[in-house]
N, C-alpha and C. Protein backbone atom coordinates (compact mmCIF):
# COMPACT_ATOMS: atom_id res chain seq x y z
N MET A 1 145.06 100.29 75.95
CA MET A 1 144.25 101.03 76.91
C MET A 1 143.01 101.59 76.22
N SER A 2 141.87 101.47 76.85
CA SER A 2 140.62 101.97 76.29
C SER A 2 140.50 103.48 76.44
N GLN A 3 139.85 104.09 75.47
CA GLN A 3 139.56 105.52 75.53
C GLN A 3 138.43 105.77 76.52
N VAL A 4 138.57 106.83 77.32
CA VAL A 4 137.51 107.22 78.26
C VAL A 4 137.40 108.75 78.22
N PRO A 5 136.60 109.28 77.28
CA PRO A 5 136.43 110.74 77.21
C PRO A 5 135.90 111.30 78.54
N THR A 6 136.49 112.40 78.97
CA THR A 6 136.16 112.96 80.29
C THR A 6 134.83 113.69 80.33
N HIS A 7 134.28 114.10 79.19
CA HIS A 7 133.02 114.86 79.20
C HIS A 7 131.78 113.96 79.29
N LEU A 8 131.97 112.65 79.25
CA LEU A 8 130.86 111.71 79.30
C LEU A 8 130.71 111.12 80.70
N ARG A 9 129.54 110.52 80.95
CA ARG A 9 129.31 109.72 82.16
C ARG A 9 129.20 108.27 81.71
N TYR A 10 129.32 107.33 82.64
CA TYR A 10 129.40 105.92 82.29
C TYR A 10 128.57 105.06 83.24
N THR A 11 128.19 103.87 82.74
CA THR A 11 127.51 102.90 83.59
C THR A 11 128.45 101.74 83.87
N GLU A 12 128.13 100.98 84.89
CA GLU A 12 128.92 99.79 85.20
C GLU A 12 128.74 98.71 84.13
N GLU A 13 127.73 98.88 83.27
CA GLU A 13 127.48 97.93 82.17
C GLU A 13 128.20 98.36 80.89
N HIS A 14 129.08 99.36 81.00
CA HIS A 14 129.95 99.81 79.91
C HIS A 14 129.20 100.54 78.80
N GLU A 15 128.28 101.39 79.23
CA GLU A 15 127.62 102.30 78.31
C GLU A 15 128.05 103.72 78.65
N TRP A 16 128.13 104.57 77.64
CA TRP A 16 128.41 105.99 77.89
C TRP A 16 127.12 106.78 77.75
N VAL A 17 127.07 107.91 78.45
CA VAL A 17 125.89 108.76 78.50
C VAL A 17 126.34 110.21 78.34
N GLU A 18 125.67 110.91 77.41
CA GLU A 18 125.96 112.33 77.20
C GLU A 18 124.67 113.12 77.32
N SER A 19 124.66 114.13 78.17
CA SER A 19 123.47 114.96 78.36
C SER A 19 123.37 115.98 77.25
N GLY A 20 122.15 116.13 76.70
CA GLY A 20 121.89 117.12 75.67
C GLY A 20 121.27 118.36 76.27
N ALA A 21 121.36 119.46 75.54
CA ALA A 21 120.81 120.73 76.00
C ALA A 21 119.29 120.68 76.10
N ASP A 22 118.66 119.75 75.35
CA ASP A 22 117.19 119.66 75.33
C ASP A 22 116.63 118.76 76.43
N GLY A 23 117.48 118.28 77.33
CA GLY A 23 117.01 117.42 78.41
C GLY A 23 117.05 115.94 78.06
N SER A 24 117.47 115.63 76.85
CA SER A 24 117.61 114.21 76.48
C SER A 24 119.03 113.76 76.77
N VAL A 25 119.22 112.46 76.84
CA VAL A 25 120.56 111.90 76.98
C VAL A 25 120.79 110.93 75.83
N THR A 26 122.02 110.93 75.35
CA THR A 26 122.44 110.05 74.28
C THR A 26 123.22 108.91 74.90
N VAL A 27 122.97 107.68 74.44
CA VAL A 27 123.58 106.49 75.02
C VAL A 27 124.30 105.70 73.93
N GLY A 28 125.48 105.20 74.28
CA GLY A 28 126.23 104.33 73.38
C GLY A 28 127.03 103.33 74.20
N ILE A 29 127.81 102.50 73.52
CA ILE A 29 128.67 101.57 74.27
C ILE A 29 130.10 102.11 74.26
N THR A 30 130.83 101.77 75.29
CA THR A 30 132.18 102.31 75.45
C THR A 30 133.20 101.56 74.59
N ASP A 31 134.34 102.20 74.46
CA ASP A 31 135.47 101.60 73.76
C ASP A 31 135.86 100.28 74.42
N PHE A 32 135.85 100.25 75.75
CA PHE A 32 136.17 99.03 76.49
C PHE A 32 135.20 97.91 76.12
N ALA A 33 133.90 98.24 76.04
CA ALA A 33 132.89 97.24 75.70
C ALA A 33 133.12 96.70 74.30
N GLN A 34 133.31 97.59 73.33
CA GLN A 34 133.45 97.11 71.95
C GLN A 34 134.72 96.30 71.78
N LYS A 35 135.79 96.65 72.49
CA LYS A 35 137.02 95.85 72.39
C LYS A 35 136.83 94.46 72.98
N ASN A 36 136.09 94.37 74.08
CA ASN A 36 135.86 93.07 74.70
C ASN A 36 134.86 92.21 73.94
N LEU A 37 133.91 92.87 73.28
CA LEU A 37 132.93 92.12 72.49
C LEU A 37 133.55 91.56 71.21
N GLY A 38 134.51 92.26 70.66
CA GLY A 38 135.05 91.87 69.36
C GLY A 38 134.22 92.50 68.26
N ASP A 39 134.30 91.95 67.07
CA ASP A 39 133.60 92.54 65.93
C ASP A 39 132.09 92.49 66.12
N ILE A 40 131.48 93.67 66.17
CA ILE A 40 130.03 93.78 66.38
C ILE A 40 129.33 93.58 65.04
N VAL A 41 128.30 92.72 65.06
CA VAL A 41 127.60 92.38 63.82
C VAL A 41 126.11 92.72 63.83
N PHE A 42 125.54 93.05 65.00
CA PHE A 42 124.10 93.29 65.05
C PHE A 42 123.72 94.07 66.30
N PHE A 43 122.78 95.00 66.15
CA PHE A 43 122.16 95.69 67.30
C PHE A 43 120.66 95.54 67.22
N GLU A 44 120.04 95.25 68.34
CA GLU A 44 118.60 95.35 68.49
C GLU A 44 118.37 96.50 69.45
N LEU A 45 117.73 97.56 68.97
CA LEU A 45 117.54 98.76 69.77
C LEU A 45 116.08 98.89 70.20
N PRO A 46 115.82 99.65 71.27
CA PRO A 46 114.44 99.79 71.77
C PRO A 46 113.58 100.58 70.79
N GLU A 47 112.27 100.42 70.93
CA GLU A 47 111.33 101.17 70.10
C GLU A 47 111.19 102.59 70.61
N VAL A 48 111.12 103.54 69.67
CA VAL A 48 110.86 104.93 70.03
C VAL A 48 109.48 104.99 70.69
N GLY A 49 109.40 105.73 71.79
CA GLY A 49 108.16 105.84 72.55
C GLY A 49 108.10 104.92 73.76
N ARG A 50 109.02 103.97 73.83
CA ARG A 50 109.02 103.04 74.97
C ARG A 50 109.42 103.76 76.25
N LYS A 51 108.66 103.54 77.30
CA LYS A 51 108.99 104.08 78.62
C LYS A 51 109.95 103.10 79.29
N VAL A 52 111.03 103.63 79.87
CA VAL A 52 112.05 102.78 80.48
C VAL A 52 112.38 103.26 81.88
N GLU A 53 112.82 102.31 82.69
CA GLU A 53 113.30 102.59 84.04
C GLU A 53 114.80 102.30 84.08
N VAL A 54 115.49 102.91 85.02
CA VAL A 54 116.92 102.62 85.19
C VAL A 54 117.13 101.11 85.31
N GLY A 55 118.05 100.58 84.53
CA GLY A 55 118.40 99.17 84.61
C GLY A 55 117.58 98.25 83.74
N ASP A 56 116.53 98.77 83.07
CA ASP A 56 115.74 97.93 82.17
C ASP A 56 116.60 97.45 81.01
N ALA A 57 116.47 96.18 80.64
CA ALA A 57 117.09 95.68 79.42
C ALA A 57 116.30 96.27 78.26
N VAL A 58 116.97 96.98 77.35
CA VAL A 58 116.27 97.68 76.28
C VAL A 58 116.68 97.21 74.89
N GLY A 59 117.65 96.33 74.80
CA GLY A 59 118.10 95.85 73.50
C GLY A 59 119.27 94.90 73.66
N THR A 60 119.87 94.55 72.53
CA THR A 60 121.03 93.67 72.55
C THR A 60 122.08 94.14 71.56
N VAL A 61 123.31 93.73 71.85
CA VAL A 61 124.42 93.91 70.92
C VAL A 61 125.01 92.52 70.70
N GLU A 62 125.18 92.17 69.43
CA GLU A 62 125.71 90.85 69.09
C GLU A 62 127.06 91.01 68.39
N SER A 63 128.01 90.24 68.84
CA SER A 63 129.34 90.25 68.21
C SER A 63 129.65 88.84 67.75
N VAL A 64 130.82 88.69 67.15
CA VAL A 64 131.22 87.35 66.71
C VAL A 64 131.46 86.45 67.91
N LYS A 65 131.66 87.04 69.09
CA LYS A 65 131.93 86.27 70.31
C LYS A 65 130.70 85.96 71.15
N SER A 66 129.77 86.93 71.24
CA SER A 66 128.67 86.77 72.20
C SER A 66 127.52 87.73 71.92
N VAL A 67 126.46 87.58 72.70
CA VAL A 67 125.33 88.51 72.69
C VAL A 67 125.25 89.12 74.08
N SER A 68 125.13 90.45 74.16
CA SER A 68 125.04 91.14 75.44
C SER A 68 123.81 92.03 75.45
N GLU A 69 123.26 92.23 76.64
CA GLU A 69 122.12 93.12 76.82
C GLU A 69 122.57 94.57 76.82
N LEU A 70 121.69 95.45 76.37
CA LEU A 70 121.85 96.89 76.53
C LEU A 70 120.85 97.31 77.61
N TYR A 71 121.28 98.20 78.50
CA TYR A 71 120.44 98.61 79.62
C TYR A 71 120.18 100.11 79.58
N SER A 72 119.04 100.50 80.10
CA SER A 72 118.74 101.92 80.21
C SER A 72 119.49 102.51 81.40
N PRO A 73 120.28 103.55 81.17
CA PRO A 73 121.01 104.16 82.29
C PRO A 73 120.17 105.11 83.13
N LEU A 74 119.01 105.52 82.59
CA LEU A 74 118.15 106.48 83.28
C LEU A 74 116.68 106.13 83.04
N THR A 75 115.81 106.76 83.82
CA THR A 75 114.37 106.59 83.65
C THR A 75 113.85 107.67 82.70
N GLY A 76 113.00 107.25 81.77
CA GLY A 76 112.42 108.21 80.83
C GLY A 76 111.76 107.50 79.67
N GLU A 77 111.83 108.14 78.50
CA GLU A 77 111.21 107.62 77.29
C GLU A 77 112.22 107.62 76.15
N ILE A 78 112.25 106.53 75.40
CA ILE A 78 113.12 106.47 74.22
C ILE A 78 112.56 107.43 73.18
N VAL A 79 113.37 108.40 72.75
CA VAL A 79 112.89 109.40 71.79
C VAL A 79 113.56 109.27 70.42
N ALA A 80 114.65 108.49 70.32
CA ALA A 80 115.31 108.30 69.03
C ALA A 80 116.20 107.07 69.10
N ILE A 81 116.37 106.45 67.94
CA ILE A 81 117.38 105.40 67.80
C ILE A 81 118.25 105.77 66.61
N ASN A 82 119.46 105.26 66.59
CA ASN A 82 120.39 105.55 65.50
C ASN A 82 120.27 104.45 64.45
N GLN A 83 119.52 104.73 63.39
CA GLN A 83 119.30 103.73 62.34
C GLN A 83 120.60 103.35 61.65
N GLU A 84 121.56 104.28 61.62
CA GLU A 84 122.86 103.99 61.00
C GLU A 84 123.56 102.82 61.70
N VAL A 85 123.42 102.74 63.01
CA VAL A 85 124.01 101.64 63.78
C VAL A 85 123.32 100.32 63.46
N VAL A 86 122.01 100.36 63.29
CA VAL A 86 121.27 99.16 62.93
C VAL A 86 121.70 98.67 61.54
N ASP A 87 121.84 99.61 60.61
CA ASP A 87 122.21 99.27 59.24
C ASP A 87 123.68 98.87 59.09
N SER A 88 124.56 99.47 59.88
CA SER A 88 126.00 99.21 59.78
C SER A 88 126.60 99.05 61.18
N PRO A 89 126.28 97.96 61.89
CA PRO A 89 126.72 97.81 63.28
C PRO A 89 128.24 97.80 63.44
N ASP A 90 128.95 97.39 62.41
CA ASP A 90 130.41 97.34 62.50
C ASP A 90 131.05 98.72 62.64
N GLU A 91 130.30 99.80 62.33
CA GLU A 91 130.84 101.16 62.47
C GLU A 91 131.21 101.46 63.93
N VAL A 92 130.53 100.81 64.87
CA VAL A 92 130.82 101.04 66.29
C VAL A 92 132.24 100.58 66.63
N ASN A 93 132.74 99.58 65.91
CA ASN A 93 134.10 99.08 66.18
C ASN A 93 135.16 100.15 65.94
N SER A 94 134.93 101.03 64.97
CA SER A 94 135.94 102.04 64.66
C SER A 94 135.84 103.29 65.53
N ASP A 95 134.63 103.66 65.96
CA ASP A 95 134.48 104.84 66.82
C ASP A 95 133.23 104.75 67.68
N PRO A 96 133.32 104.05 68.81
CA PRO A 96 132.13 103.86 69.65
C PRO A 96 131.58 105.14 70.26
N TYR A 97 132.38 106.20 70.32
CA TYR A 97 131.88 107.44 70.92
C TYR A 97 131.20 108.35 69.91
N GLU A 98 131.32 108.08 68.64
CA GLU A 98 130.59 108.81 67.60
C GLU A 98 129.30 108.08 67.24
N MET A 99 129.28 106.77 67.39
CA MET A 99 128.14 105.96 66.98
C MET A 99 127.22 105.70 68.18
N TRP A 100 126.34 106.65 68.45
CA TRP A 100 125.38 106.51 69.55
C TRP A 100 124.33 105.47 69.18
N LEU A 101 123.64 104.96 70.19
CA LEU A 101 122.64 103.91 69.98
C LEU A 101 121.21 104.43 70.09
N PHE A 102 120.90 105.10 71.20
CA PHE A 102 119.54 105.61 71.40
C PHE A 102 119.58 106.83 72.30
N LYS A 103 118.46 107.56 72.29
CA LYS A 103 118.33 108.75 73.13
C LYS A 103 117.12 108.59 74.03
N ILE A 104 117.26 109.09 75.26
CA ILE A 104 116.20 109.03 76.25
C ILE A 104 115.87 110.45 76.69
N LYS A 105 114.59 110.76 76.70
CA LYS A 105 114.12 112.02 77.31
C LYS A 105 113.81 111.67 78.76
N THR A 106 114.57 112.24 79.67
CA THR A 106 114.42 111.87 81.07
C THR A 106 113.22 112.57 81.69
N LYS A 107 112.68 111.93 82.70
CA LYS A 107 111.60 112.54 83.47
C LYS A 107 112.21 113.65 84.30
N GLY A 108 111.41 114.67 84.58
CA GLY A 108 111.89 115.75 85.44
C GLY A 108 112.43 115.19 86.74
N GLY A 109 113.62 115.57 87.10
CA GLY A 109 114.20 115.10 88.34
C GLY A 109 114.82 113.72 88.26
N ALA A 110 114.89 113.12 87.06
CA ALA A 110 115.52 111.81 86.93
C ALA A 110 116.98 111.93 87.36
N SER A 111 117.37 111.08 88.25
CA SER A 111 118.71 111.17 88.83
C SER A 111 119.75 110.46 87.99
N SER A 112 120.90 111.09 87.87
CA SER A 112 122.03 110.45 87.19
C SER A 112 123.08 110.05 88.22
N ASN A 113 122.66 109.92 89.49
CA ASN A 113 123.60 109.60 90.57
C ASN A 113 124.29 108.26 90.38
N GLY A 114 123.66 107.32 89.69
CA GLY A 114 124.26 106.01 89.50
C GLY A 114 125.33 105.98 88.42
N LEU A 115 125.51 107.10 87.73
CA LEU A 115 126.49 107.14 86.64
C LEU A 115 127.88 107.48 87.18
N LEU A 116 128.88 106.97 86.50
CA LEU A 116 130.27 107.18 86.90
C LEU A 116 130.89 108.29 86.08
N ASP A 117 131.78 109.05 86.70
CA ASP A 117 132.56 110.00 85.91
C ASP A 117 133.72 109.23 85.28
N ALA A 118 134.50 109.90 84.44
CA ALA A 118 135.56 109.23 83.69
C ALA A 118 136.58 108.57 84.61
N LYS A 119 136.93 109.25 85.69
CA LYS A 119 137.94 108.71 86.62
C LYS A 119 137.44 107.42 87.28
N ALA A 120 136.19 107.41 87.72
CA ALA A 120 135.61 106.21 88.35
C ALA A 120 135.47 105.08 87.33
N TYR A 121 135.13 105.42 86.09
CA TYR A 121 135.00 104.39 85.06
C TYR A 121 136.36 103.79 84.71
N GLU A 122 137.38 104.64 84.63
CA GLU A 122 138.74 104.13 84.37
C GLU A 122 139.16 103.15 85.46
N LYS A 123 138.82 103.47 86.72
CA LYS A 123 139.14 102.57 87.82
C LYS A 123 138.40 101.25 87.65
N LEU A 124 137.11 101.30 87.29
CA LEU A 124 136.31 100.10 87.09
C LEU A 124 136.93 99.20 86.02
N ILE A 125 137.30 99.77 84.88
CA ILE A 125 137.81 98.92 83.80
C ILE A 125 139.24 98.46 84.06
N SER A 126 139.96 99.18 84.88
CA SER A 126 141.33 98.74 85.19
C SER A 126 141.30 97.52 86.10
N GLU A 127 140.18 97.32 86.80
CA GLU A 127 140.03 96.18 87.70
C GLU A 127 139.42 94.96 86.99
N SER A 128 138.99 95.16 85.74
CA SER A 128 138.34 94.07 84.98
C SER A 128 139.37 93.13 84.37
């Protein structure tokens, strides 16, 4: 069974989102995603300063099995990337909720209505 921390929000594309006190959100991939991808070997992350819209493809994650797109869960601007993930992508396999990928500073009023709470995400992955 995949871990689904209750304090996070989730996307249907298997990314987790955590809101920061400064108005930014931190994004990573879920335990379910990393288990299905297999051993992760590479991340291509968005450039800091890039303006993104909800659903924009912003990077890729490559595993021994496949390559998958990373999507922006919210509208805003990329304000940070996790260089540690780029340098050691396999770290995500051991703890996907500690190894964040990028941070977005959301526009005022950016809606998080499309995000799932833990219960809804558990239902989504149980049907997969």
